[in-house]
């Protein structure tokens, strides 16, 4: 089976962003983030780009607070009227978009894009992938952070947040236990099979609505261990982004135990998602122009390829 295929990139017109398009589940386990995000080419040329430690890695699914949380207070509130610091969160295990490396430093094509964009516009960039996805979304709605570094489009989110142009596209795949496979040519082939998907995010309007109406599917709070549900035969399939799934397989050394159905269920464009309560929202047109330039010059493809997970060895 060919596991490593080119991460497709597509730019869409602004019209697309107001129409039904086809977010990845964020991490629900708190992990400490230490150190600075730095450019692999020239770290010394970057503005101050920091990651901030929050929470306890042993704390699992903490309850959402009724008011401002300690995390929100630690961020020191939103920018006043001018975007001087771009504060970003996102999923911590979503290669090649956003992930933590072996030193718990935020990496990914989304981080690279924001890093260079911040340097060119002389603003600081603070990246924190430690916040659980659901809490980060609440903070984004309140303007306590400025943007999510990677999200899928949904009509509901489009009413509340502002999307950038897409900078990547992510295939949503079906993963099965290699000892218990079945044919999947389209989404309806999943009916009468029990599945799992990560908790806390969206896979786009179509898959979200179809799963709610027709599929027997559970939500796993630990996305990085979701393949355990397959190897233990608790579910028949796992629905996961292509490279998110491949990274889990490689990290767990279970390539012989997992089968990936090559045909994607959908291909979701990946975009930055900004709070409408943040002054940094005014930077989105500039960011769109920057993304378009990266794509036209071929740099976007090269930036993405450097963050693709290693293919599993069969």
C-alpha atoms as a PDB file:
ATOM      1  CA  UNK A   1       0.000   0.000   0.000  1.00  0.00           C
ATOM      2  CA  UNK A   2       1.233   3.438  -0.793  1.00  0.00           C
ATOM      3  CA  UNK A   3       1.136   5.361   2.487  1.00  0.00           C
ATOM      4  CA  UNK A   4       3.041   8.423   1.505  1.00  0.00           C
ATOM      5  CA  UNK A   5       1.274  10.511  -1.036  1.00  0.00           C
ATOM      6  CA  UNK A   6       1.776  14.135  -1.770  1.00  0.00           C
ATOM      7  CA  UNK A   7      -0.035  16.479   0.568  1.00  0.00           C
ATOM      8  CA  UNK A   8      -2.339  18.312  -1.832  1.00  0.00           C
ATOM      9  CA  UNK A   9      -2.430  22.082  -1.769  1.00  0.00           C
ATOM     10  CA  UNK A  10      -5.200  24.226  -3.110  1.00  0.00           C
ATOM     11  CA  UNK A  11      -6.102  27.905  -2.987  1.00  0.00           C
ATOM     12  CA  UNK A  12      -9.725  28.901  -3.250  1.00  0.00           C
ATOM     13  CA  UNK A  13     -11.388  32.237  -4.056  1.00  0.00           C
ATOM     14  CA  UNK A  14     -12.963  34.302  -1.324  1.00  0.00           C
ATOM     15  CA  UNK A  15     -16.328  33.252  -2.710  1.00  0.00           C
ATOM     16  CA  UNK A  16     -15.660  29.678  -1.625  1.00  0.00           C
ATOM     17  CA  UNK A  17     -15.267  30.768   1.962  1.00  0.00           C
ATOM     18  CA  UNK A  18     -18.907  31.899   2.079  1.00  0.00           C
ATOM     19  CA  UNK A  19     -20.277  28.693   0.563  1.00  0.00           C
ATOM     20  CA  UNK A  20     -20.603  25.186   2.070  1.00  0.00           C
ATOM     21  CA  UNK A  21     -17.156  23.660   1.887  1.00  0.00           C
ATOM     22  CA  UNK A  22     -16.045  20.499   2.968  1.00  0.00           C
ATOM     23  CA  UNK A  23     -11.476  21.155  11.570  1.00  0.00           C
ATOM     24  CA  UNK A  24      -9.575  18.676  12.806  1.00  0.00           C
ATOM     25  CA  UNK A  25     -10.072  17.485  16.333  1.00  0.00           C
ATOM     26  CA  UNK A  26      -7.768  19.282  18.723  1.00  0.00           C
ATOM     27  CA  UNK A  27      -5.794  17.681  21.469  1.00  0.00           C
ATOM     28  CA  UNK A  28      -7.772  17.037  24.631  1.00  0.00           C
ATOM     29  CA  UNK A  29      -4.713  16.079  26.664  1.00  0.00           C
ATOM     30  CA  UNK A  30      -2.690  18.923  28.138  1.00  0.00           C
ATOM     31  CA  UNK A  31       0.980  18.849  27.264  1.00  0.00           C
ATOM     32  CA  UNK A  32       3.615  21.356  28.390  1.00  0.00           C
ATOM     33  CA  UNK A  33       5.181  23.473  25.677  1.00  0.00           C
ATOM     34  CA  UNK A  34       8.619  24.834  26.395  1.00  0.00           C
ATOM     35  CA  UNK A  35      11.100  26.877  24.477  1.00  0.00           C
ATOM     36  CA  UNK A  36      10.769  29.119  21.467  1.00  0.00           C
ATOM     37  CA  UNK A  37       9.442  28.553  17.989  1.00  0.00           C
ATOM     38  CA  UNK A  38      12.321  29.290  15.661  1.00  0.00           C
ATOM     39  CA  UNK A  39      12.879  29.254  11.949  1.00  0.00           C
ATOM     40  CA  UNK A  40      14.984  26.338  10.708  1.00  0.00           C
ATOM     41  CA  UNK A  41      16.673  28.694   8.278  1.00  0.00           C
ATOM     42  CA  UNK A  42      17.576  31.684  10.438  1.00  0.00           C
ATOM     43  CA  UNK A  43      16.263  31.703  14.010  1.00  0.00           C
ATOM     44  CA  UNK A  44      18.055  34.923  14.877  1.00  0.00           C
ATOM     45  CA  UNK A  45      16.151  36.852  12.206  1.00  0.00           C
ATOM     46  CA  UNK A  46      12.718  36.155  13.704  1.00  0.00           C
ATOM     47  CA  UNK A  47      10.778  38.454  16.025  1.00  0.00           C
ATOM     48  CA  UNK A  48      10.049  37.248  19.521  1.00  0.00           C
ATOM     49  CA  UNK A  49       8.060  34.053  18.979  1.00  0.00           C
ATOM     50  CA  UNK A  50       7.242  32.232  22.167  1.00  0.00           C
ATOM     51  CA  UNK A  51       5.358  29.238  23.408  1.00  0.00           C
ATOM     52  CA  UNK A  52       3.794  29.310  26.840  1.00  0.00           C
ATOM     53  CA  UNK A  53       3.381  26.372  29.231  1.00  0.00           C
ATOM     54  CA  UNK A  54      -0.142  25.802  30.504  1.00  0.00           C
ATOM     55  CA  UNK A  55      -1.765  23.012  32.503  1.00  0.00           C
ATOM     56  CA  UNK A  56      -0.543  19.625  33.597  1.00  0.00           C
ATOM     57  CA  UNK A  57       0.115  16.779  31.186  1.00  0.00           C
ATOM     58  CA  UNK A  58      -1.495  14.396  33.680  1.00  0.00           C
ATOM     59  CA  UNK A  59      -4.703  16.421  33.778  1.00  0.00           C
ATOM     60  CA  UNK A  60      -7.232  14.832  31.430  1.00  0.00           C
ATOM     61  CA  UNK A  61     -10.266  16.595  29.969  1.00  0.00           C
ATOM     62  CA  UNK A  62     -10.472  19.407  32.548  1.00  0.00           C
ATOM     63  CA  UNK A  63     -13.934  20.949  32.959  1.00  0.00           C
ATOM     64  CA  UNK A  64     -14.528  24.194  31.124  1.00  0.00           C
ATOM     65  CA  UNK A  65     -14.599  27.107  33.563  1.00  0.00           C
ATOM     66  CA  UNK A  66     -17.752  29.243  33.969  1.00  0.00           C
ATOM     67  CA  UNK A  67     -15.762  32.437  33.482  1.00  0.00           C
ATOM     68  CA  UNK A  68     -12.258  33.401  32.442  1.00  0.00           C
ATOM     69  CA  UNK A  69      -9.863  30.521  33.044  1.00  0.00           C
ATOM     70  CA  UNK A  70      -6.330  30.692  34.427  1.00  0.00           C
ATOM     71  CA  UNK A  71      -5.140  30.052  30.893  1.00  0.00           C
ATOM     72  CA  UNK A  72      -7.019  33.062  29.597  1.00  0.00           C
ATOM     73  CA  UNK A  73      -5.657  35.220  32.418  1.00  0.00           C
ATOM     74  CA  UNK A  74      -2.105  34.040  31.680  1.00  0.00           C
ATOM     75  CA  UNK A  75      -2.394  35.288  28.124  1.00  0.00           C
ATOM     76  CA  UNK A  76      -2.924  38.798  29.564  1.00  0.00           C
ATOM     77  CA  UNK A  77      -6.068  39.584  27.615  1.00  0.00           C
ATOM     78  CA  UNK A  78      -6.614  40.532  23.989  1.00  0.00           C
ATOM     79  CA  UNK A  79      -4.771  43.218  22.062  1.00  0.00           C
ATOM     80  CA  UNK A  80      -6.307  46.605  22.713  1.00  0.00           C
ATOM     81  CA  UNK A  81      -6.801  48.267  19.321  1.00  0.00           C
ATOM     82  CA  UNK A  82      -3.713  47.306  17.306  1.00  0.00           C
ATOM     83  CA  UNK A  83      -2.331  43.886  16.407  1.00  0.00           C
ATOM     84  CA  UNK A  84       1.116  43.961  17.994  1.00  0.00           C
ATOM     85  CA  UNK A  85       1.149  40.320  19.107  1.00  0.00           C
ATOM     86  CA  UNK A  86      -0.509  37.445  17.240  1.00  0.00           C
ATOM     87  CA  UNK A  87      -1.535  34.796  19.775  1.00  0.00           C
ATOM     88  CA  UNK A  88      -2.223  31.429  18.211  1.00  0.00           C
ATOM     89  CA  UNK A  89      -3.383  28.004  19.321  1.00  0.00           C
ATOM     90  CA  UNK A  90      -4.143  24.820  17.408  1.00  0.00           C
ATOM     91  CA  UNK A  91      -3.950  21.035  17.404  1.00  0.00           C
ATOM     92  CA  UNK A  92      -0.713  19.609  18.827  1.00  0.00           C
ATOM     93  CA  UNK A  93      -0.594  16.378  16.798  1.00  0.00           C
ATOM     94  CA  UNK A  94      -1.695  17.293  13.283  1.00  0.00           C
ATOM     95  CA  UNK A  95       1.238  16.701  10.950  1.00  0.00           C
ATOM     96  CA  UNK A  96       2.102  18.523   8.765  1.00  0.00           C
ATOM     97  CA  UNK A  97      -0.131  21.435   9.864  1.00  0.00           C
ATOM     98  CA  UNK A  98       0.689  21.840  13.586  1.00  0.00           C
ATOM     99  CA  UNK A  99       2.448  19.462  15.978  1.00  0.00           C
ATOM    100  CA  UNK A 100       4.956  19.289  18.812  1.00  0.00           C
ATOM    101  CA  UNK A 101       8.423  17.973  18.062  1.00  0.00           C
ATOM    102  CA  UNK A 102      10.562  15.820  20.352  1.00  0.00           C
ATOM    103  CA  UNK A 103      11.420  18.873  22.468  1.00  0.00           C
ATOM    104  CA  UNK A 104       7.744  19.924  22.774  1.00  0.00           C
ATOM    105  CA  UNK A 105       8.284  22.883  20.439  1.00  0.00           C
ATOM    106  CA  UNK A 106       5.486  23.883  18.083  1.00  0.00           C
ATOM    107  CA  UNK A 107       6.188  23.000  14.448  1.00  0.00           C
ATOM    108  CA  UNK A 108       4.299  22.638  11.185  1.00  0.00           C
ATOM    109  CA  UNK A 109       3.588  24.405   7.933  1.00  0.00           C
ATOM    110  CA  UNK A 110       1.039  26.663   9.672  1.00  0.00           C
ATOM    111  CA  UNK A 111       3.685  27.729  12.188  1.00  0.00           C
ATOM    112  CA  UNK A 112       6.220  28.372   9.414  1.00  0.00           C
ATOM    113  CA  UNK A 113       3.728  30.555   7.545  1.00  0.00           C
ATOM    114  CA  UNK A 114       2.820  32.619  10.613  1.00  0.00           C
ATOM    115  CA  UNK A 115       6.461  32.862  11.651  1.00  0.00           C
ATOM    116  CA  UNK A 116       7.531  34.447   8.381  1.00  0.00           C
ATOM    117  CA  UNK A 117       4.378  36.562   8.136  1.00  0.00           C
ATOM    118  CA  UNK A 118       4.944  37.961  11.657  1.00  0.00           C
ATOM    119  CA  UNK A 119       8.558  38.785  10.865  1.00  0.00           C
ATOM    120  CA  UNK A 120       7.635  40.628   7.668  1.00  0.00           C
ATOM    121  CA  UNK A 121       4.957  42.648   9.459  1.00  0.00           C
ATOM    122  CA  UNK A 122       7.044  43.278  12.586  1.00  0.00           C
ATOM    123  CA  UNK A 123       4.622  41.719  15.040  1.00  0.00           C
ATOM    124  CA  UNK A 124       5.315  39.188  17.753  1.00  0.00           C
ATOM    125  CA  UNK A 125       4.006  35.654  17.473  1.00  0.00           C
ATOM    126  CA  UNK A 126       2.992  33.597  20.505  1.00  0.00           C
ATOM    127  CA  UNK A 127       2.182  29.947  19.806  1.00  0.00           C
ATOM    128  CA  UNK A 128       0.546  27.703  22.382  1.00  0.00           C
ATOM    129  CA  UNK A 129      -0.636  24.250  21.288  1.00  0.00           C
ATOM    130  CA  UNK A 130      -1.152  23.210  24.915  1.00  0.00           C
ATOM    131  CA  UNK A 131      -4.743  24.412  25.204  1.00  0.00           C
ATOM    132  CA  UNK A 132      -7.374  21.712  24.594  1.00  0.00           C
ATOM    133  CA  UNK A 133      -9.210  22.358  21.334  1.00  0.00           C
ATOM    134  CA  UNK A 134     -12.646  22.973  22.875  1.00  0.00           C
ATOM    135  CA  UNK A 135     -11.266  25.499  25.352  1.00  0.00           C
ATOM    136  CA  UNK A 136      -9.189  27.199  22.672  1.00  0.00           C
ATOM    137  CA  UNK A 137     -12.334  27.642  20.566  1.00  0.00           C
ATOM    138  CA  UNK A 138     -14.065  29.382  23.492  1.00  0.00           C
ATOM    139  CA  UNK A 139     -11.046  31.618  23.962  1.00  0.00           C
ATOM    140  CA  UNK A 140     -11.067  32.422  20.246  1.00  0.00           C
ATOM    141  CA  UNK A 141     -14.733  33.398  20.426  1.00  0.00           C
ATOM    142  CA  UNK A 142     -13.942  35.713  23.362  1.00  0.00           C
ATOM    143  CA  UNK A 143     -10.928  37.292  21.661  1.00  0.00           C
ATOM    144  CA  UNK A 144      -8.561  35.900  24.298  1.00  0.00           C
ATOM    145  CA  UNK A 145      -6.495  34.369  21.508  1.00  0.00           C
ATOM    146  CA  UNK A 146      -6.339  35.750  17.995  1.00  0.00           C
ATOM    147  CA  UNK A 147      -6.303  32.741  15.702  1.00  0.00           C
ATOM    148  CA  UNK A 148      -6.324  28.966  15.321  1.00  0.00           C
ATOM    149  CA  UNK A 149      -3.433  27.699  13.235  1.00  0.00           C
ATOM    150  CA  UNK A 150      -5.433  25.386  11.031  1.00  0.00           C
ATOM    151  CA  UNK A 151      -9.134  24.545  10.892  1.00  0.00           C
ATOM    152  CA  UNK A 152     -11.679  23.130   8.479  1.00  0.00           C
ATOM    153  CA  UNK A 153     -14.584  25.181   7.168  1.00  0.00           C
ATOM    154  CA  UNK A 154     -18.096  24.857   8.564  1.00  0.00           C
ATOM    155  CA  UNK A 155     -21.032  27.198   7.998  1.00  0.00           C
ATOM    156  CA  UNK A 156     -21.585  27.542  11.749  1.00  0.00           C
ATOM    157  CA  UNK A 157     -17.988  28.648  12.356  1.00  0.00           C
ATOM    158  CA  UNK A 158     -18.093  30.976   9.386  1.00  0.00           C
ATOM    159  CA  UNK A 159     -20.825  32.983  11.125  1.00  0.00           C
ATOM    160  CA  UNK A 160     -18.637  33.582  14.179  1.00  0.00           C
ATOM    161  CA  UNK A 161     -15.049  33.601  12.914  1.00  0.00           C
ATOM    162  CA  UNK A 162     -13.095  34.882   9.925  1.00  0.00           C
ATOM    163  CA  UNK A 163     -11.238  32.411   7.707  1.00  0.00           C
ATOM    164  CA  UNK A 164      -8.088  33.007   5.693  1.00  0.00           C
ATOM    165  CA  UNK A 165      -7.524  31.487   2.287  1.00  0.00           C
ATOM    166  CA  UNK A 166      -6.682  27.768   2.455  1.00  0.00           C
ATOM    167  CA  UNK A 167      -3.000  26.941   2.798  1.00  0.00           C
ATOM    168  CA  UNK A 168      -3.348  23.143   2.664  1.00  0.00           C
ATOM    169  CA  UNK A 169      -5.802  20.326   2.066  1.00  0.00           C
ATOM    170  CA  UNK A 170      -6.259  17.304   4.316  1.00  0.00           C
ATOM    171  CA  UNK A 171      -7.780  13.974   3.269  1.00  0.00           C
ATOM    172  CA  UNK A 172     -10.134  12.358   5.781  1.00  0.00           C
ATOM    173  CA  UNK A 173      -9.400   8.631   5.661  1.00  0.00           C
ATOM    174  CA  UNK A 174     -10.794   5.379   7.010  1.00  0.00           C
ATOM    175  CA  UNK A 175      -8.352   3.203   8.982  1.00  0.00           C
ATOM    176  CA  UNK A 176      -9.166  -0.442   9.745  1.00  0.00           C
ATOM    177  CA  UNK A 177      -7.680  -3.345  11.637  1.00  0.00           C
ATOM    178  CA  UNK A 178      -5.648  -5.309   9.076  1.00  0.00           C
ATOM    179  CA  UNK A 179      -7.299  -8.539  10.330  1.00  0.00           C
ATOM    180  CA  UNK A 180     -10.800  -7.148   9.910  1.00  0.00           C
ATOM    181  CA  UNK A 181     -11.178  -5.142   6.694  1.00  0.00           C
ATOM    182  CA  UNK A 182     -14.248  -4.296   4.657  1.00  0.00           C
ATOM    183  CA  UNK A 183     -14.836  -2.411   1.417  1.00  0.00           C
ATOM    184  CA  UNK A 184     -15.347   1.351   1.675  1.00  0.00           C
ATOM    185  CA  UNK A 185     -16.032   3.105  -1.606  1.00  0.00           C
ATOM    186  CA  UNK A 186     -18.211   5.857  -0.162  1.00  0.00           C
ATOM    187  CA  UNK A 187     -19.424   7.112   3.187  1.00  0.00           C
ATOM    188  CA  UNK A 188     -22.578   4.986   3.264  1.00  0.00           C
ATOM    189  CA  UNK A 189     -20.399   1.848   3.303  1.00  0.00           C
ATOM    190  CA  UNK A 190     -19.641   2.712   6.955  1.00  0.00           C
ATOM    191  CA  UNK A 191     -23.264   2.110   7.976  1.00  0.00           C
ATOM    192  CA  UNK A 192     -23.670  -0.982  10.193  1.00  0.00           C
ATOM    193  CA  UNK A 193     -20.021  -0.744  11.279  1.00  0.00           C
ATOM    194  CA  UNK A 194     -18.890   0.855  14.541  1.00  0.00           C
ATOM    195  CA  UNK A 195     -16.340   3.635  14.203  1.00  0.00           C
ATOM    196  CA  UNK A 196     -14.367   6.197  16.186  1.00  0.00           C
ATOM    197  CA  UNK A 197     -13.123   9.710  15.561  1.00  0.00           C
ATOM    198  CA  UNK A 198     -11.294  12.267  17.738  1.00  0.00           C
ATOM    199  CA  UNK A 199     -13.293  14.346  20.166  1.00  0.00           C
ATOM    200  CA  UNK A 200     -13.524  18.116  20.063  1.00  0.00           C
ATOM    201  CA  UNK A 201     -13.409  19.124  16.403  1.00  0.00           C
ATOM    202  CA  UNK A 202     -15.150  18.961  13.077  1.00  0.00           C
ATOM    203  CA  UNK A 203     -14.538  17.144   9.804  1.00  0.00           C
ATOM    204  CA  UNK A 204     -16.617  19.604   7.812  1.00  0.00           C
ATOM    205  CA  UNK A 205     -20.363  20.001   7.460  1.00  0.00           C
ATOM    206  CA  UNK A 206     -20.960  16.958   5.256  1.00  0.00           C
ATOM    207  CA  UNK A 207     -19.168  14.364   7.383  1.00  0.00           C
ATOM    208  CA  UNK A 208     -20.361  15.871  10.672  1.00  0.00           C
ATOM    209  CA  UNK A 209     -24.017  15.770   9.625  1.00  0.00           C
ATOM    210  CA  UNK A 210     -23.784  12.375   7.943  1.00  0.00           C
ATOM    211  CA  UNK A 211     -22.093  10.807  10.976  1.00  0.00           C
ATOM    212  CA  UNK A 212     -24.693  12.259  13.350  1.00  0.00           C
ATOM    213  CA  UNK A 213     -27.598  11.007  11.219  1.00  0.00           C
ATOM    214  CA  UNK A 214     -26.436   7.616   9.986  1.00  0.00           C
ATOM    215  CA  UNK A 215     -23.263   6.298  11.609  1.00  0.00           C
ATOM    216  CA  UNK A 216     -22.561   4.407  14.832  1.00  0.00           C
ATOM    217  CA  UNK A 217     -19.486   6.359  15.878  1.00  0.00           C
ATOM    218  CA  UNK A 218     -17.850   7.190  19.210  1.00  0.00           C
ATOM    219  CA  UNK A 219     -15.624  10.144  20.067  1.00  0.00           C
ATOM    220  CA  UNK A 220     -12.191   9.364  21.483  1.00  0.00           C
ATOM    221  CA  UNK A 221     -10.855  11.985  23.971  1.00  0.00           C
ATOM    222  CA  UNK A 222      -7.257  10.881  23.298  1.00  0.00           C
ATOM    223  CA  UNK A 223      -6.623  11.359  19.608  1.00  0.00           C
ATOM    224  CA  UNK A 224      -3.003  10.230  19.836  1.00  0.00           C
ATOM    225  CA  UNK A 225      -4.124   6.802  21.173  1.00  0.00           C
ATOM    226  CA  UNK A 226      -7.188   6.376  18.994  1.00  0.00           C
ATOM    227  CA  UNK A 227      -5.616   3.486  17.073  1.00  0.00           C
ATOM    228  CA  UNK A 228      -5.780   1.447  20.304  1.00  0.00           C
ATOM    229  CA  UNK A 229      -9.500   1.142  19.647  1.00  0.00           C
ATOM    230  CA  UNK A 230      -8.696  -0.644  16.390  1.00  0.00           C
ATOM    231  CA  UNK A 231      -5.946  -2.933  17.643  1.00  0.00           C
ATOM    232  CA  UNK A 232      -8.179  -4.005  20.554  1.00  0.00           C
ATOM    233  CA  UNK A 233     -11.116  -4.622  18.164  1.00  0.00           C
ATOM    234  CA  UNK A 234     -13.357  -2.192  20.056  1.00  0.00           C
ATOM    235  CA  UNK A 235     -14.318  -0.502  16.778  1.00  0.00           C
ATOM    236  CA  UNK A 236     -14.346  -1.530  13.132  1.00  0.00           C
ATOM    237  CA  UNK A 237     -12.774   1.636  11.786  1.00  0.00           C
ATOM    238  CA  UNK A 238     -11.249   4.982  12.750  1.00  0.00           C
ATOM    239  CA  UNK A 239     -11.995   8.185  10.831  1.00  0.00           C
ATOM    240  CA  UNK A 240      -8.907  10.391  10.824  1.00  0.00           C
ATOM    241  CA  UNK A 241      -6.894  12.812   8.717  1.00  0.00           C
ATOM    242  CA  UNK A 242      -4.411  11.044   6.450  1.00  0.00           C
ATOM    243  CA  UNK A 243      -1.201  12.346   7.993  1.00  0.00           C
ATOM    244  CA  UNK A 244      -2.592  12.442  11.509  1.00  0.00           C
ATOM    245  CA  UNK A 245      -3.320   8.722  11.125  1.00  0.00           C
ATOM    246  CA  UNK A 246       0.016   7.899   9.530  1.00  0.00           C
ATOM    247  CA  UNK A 247       1.853   9.738  12.309  1.00  0.00           C
ATOM    248  CA  UNK A 248      -0.011   7.675  14.929  1.00  0.00           C
ATOM    249  CA  UNK A 249       0.831   4.469  13.076  1.00  0.00           C
ATOM    250  CA  UNK A 250       4.511   5.401  12.835  1.00  0.00           C
ATOM    251  CA  UNK A 251       4.736   6.495  16.482  1.00  0.00           C
ATOM    252  CA  UNK A 252       3.035   3.320  17.730  1.00  0.00           C
ATOM    253  CA  UNK A 253       4.946   0.988  15.347  1.00  0.00           C
ATOM    254  CA  UNK A 254       1.731  -0.719  14.230  1.00  0.00           C
ATOM    255  CA  UNK A 255       2.010  -0.466  10.443  1.00  0.00           C
ATOM    256  CA  UNK A 256       1.400  -4.212  10.047  1.00  0.00           C
ATOM    257  CA  UNK A 257      -1.724  -4.055  12.190  1.00  0.00           C
ATOM    258  CA  UNK A 258      -3.498  -1.131  10.493  1.00  0.00           C
ATOM    259  CA  UNK A 259      -4.943  -0.864   6.995  1.00  0.00           C
ATOM    260  CA  UNK A 260      -5.688   2.543   5.477  1.00  0.00           C
ATOM    261  CA  UNK A 261      -8.454   2.635   2.870  1.00  0.00           C
ATOM    262  CA  UNK A 262      -6.829   4.735   0.188  1.00  0.00           C
ATOM    263  CA  UNK A 263      -9.888   6.490  -1.136  1.00  0.00           C
ATOM    264  CA  UNK A 264     -10.543   9.594   1.041  1.00  0.00           C
ATOM    265  CA  UNK A 265     -14.043  10.263   2.336  1.00  0.00           C
ATOM    266  CA  UNK A 266     -13.539  13.994   1.714  1.00  0.00           C
ATOM    267  CA  UNK A 267     -10.668  16.408   1.109  1.00  0.00           C
ATOM    268  CA  UNK A 268     -10.954  19.367   3.482  1.00  0.00           C
ATOM    269  CA  UNK A 269      -9.247  22.702   2.817  1.00  0.00           C
ATOM    270  CA  UNK A 270      -7.227  23.861   5.838  1.00  0.00           C
ATOM    271  CA  UNK A 271      -7.352  27.557   6.772  1.00  0.00           C
ATOM    272  CA  UNK A 272      -6.379  29.922   9.561  1.00  0.00           C
ATOM    273  CA  UNK A 273      -9.399  30.924  11.659  1.00  0.00           C
ATOM    274  CA  UNK A 274      -9.433  34.369  13.310  1.00  0.00           C
ATOM    275  CA  UNK A 275     -11.467  35.830  16.154  1.00  0.00           C
ATOM    276  CA  UNK A 276     -13.731  38.688  15.082  1.00  0.00           C
ATOM    277  CA  UNK A 277     -12.992  40.300  18.470  1.00  0.00           C
ATOM    278  CA  UNK A 278      -9.270  40.535  17.725  1.00  0.00           C
ATOM    279  CA  UNK A 279      -7.622  43.536  16.049  1.00  0.00           C
ATOM    280  CA  UNK A 280      -5.435  40.964  14.265  1.00  0.00           C
ATOM    281  CA  UNK A 281      -8.480  40.122  12.160  1.00  0.00           C
ATOM    282  CA  UNK A 282      -7.527  43.192  10.109  1.00  0.00           C
ATOM    283  CA  UNK A 283      -4.357  41.345   9.071  1.00  0.00           C
ATOM    284  CA  UNK A 284      -6.257  38.583   7.240  1.00  0.00           C
ATOM    285  CA  UNK A 285      -6.225  40.281   3.781  1.00  0.00           C
ATOM    286  CA  UNK A 286      -2.432  40.650   4.096  1.00  0.00           C
ATOM    287  CA  UNK A 287      -2.149  37.034   5.193  1.00  0.00           C
ATOM    288  CA  UNK A 288      -4.244  35.925   2.200  1.00  0.00           C
ATOM    289  CA  UNK A 289      -1.891  37.765  -0.137  1.00  0.00           C
ATOM    290  CA  UNK A 290       1.098  36.155   1.576  1.00  0.00           C
ATOM    291  CA  UNK A 291      -0.400  32.645   1.275  1.00  0.00           C
ATOM    292  CA  UNK A 292      -1.170  33.249  -2.394  1.00  0.00           C
ATOM    293  CA  UNK A 293       2.426  34.365  -3.010  1.00  0.00           C
ATOM    294  CA  UNK A 294       3.817  31.273  -1.252  1.00  0.00           C
ATOM    295  CA  UNK A 295       1.632  29.054  -3.418  1.00  0.00           C
ATOM    296  CA  UNK A 296       2.495  30.795  -6.687  1.00  0.00           C
ATOM    297  CA  UNK A 297       6.222  30.572  -6.041  1.00  0.00           C
ATOM    298  CA  UNK A 298       6.091  26.903  -5.012  1.00  0.00           C
ATOM    299  CA  UNK A 299       7.355  27.635  -1.513  1.00  0.00           C
ATOM    300  CA  UNK A 300       4.125  26.461   0.086  1.00  0.00           C
ATOM    301  CA  UNK A 301       4.600  22.957  -1.264  1.00  0.00           C
ATOM    302  CA  UNK A 302       8.223  22.836  -0.082  1.00  0.00           C
ATOM    303  CA  UNK A 303       7.284  24.166   3.371  1.00  0.00           C
ATOM    304  CA  UNK A 304       4.626  21.476   3.686  1.00  0.00           C
ATOM    305  CA  UNK A 305       6.842  18.609   2.546  1.00  0.00           C
ATOM    306  CA  UNK A 306       9.391  19.307   5.290  1.00  0.00           C
ATOM    307  CA  UNK A 307       6.742  18.470   7.894  1.00  0.00           C
ATOM    308  CA  UNK A 308       5.277  15.294   6.415  1.00  0.00           C
ATOM    309  CA  UNK A 309       5.565  12.327   8.799  1.00  0.00           C
ATOM    310  CA  UNK A 310       7.844   9.479   7.865  1.00  0.00           C
ATOM    311  CA  UNK A 311       5.943   6.701   6.068  1.00  0.00           C
ATOM    312  CA  UNK A 312       5.372   3.551   8.136  1.00  0.00           C
ATOM    313  CA  UNK A 313       7.609   0.612   7.280  1.00  0.00           C
ATOM    314  CA  UNK A 314       5.628  -2.486   6.290  1.00  0.00           C
END
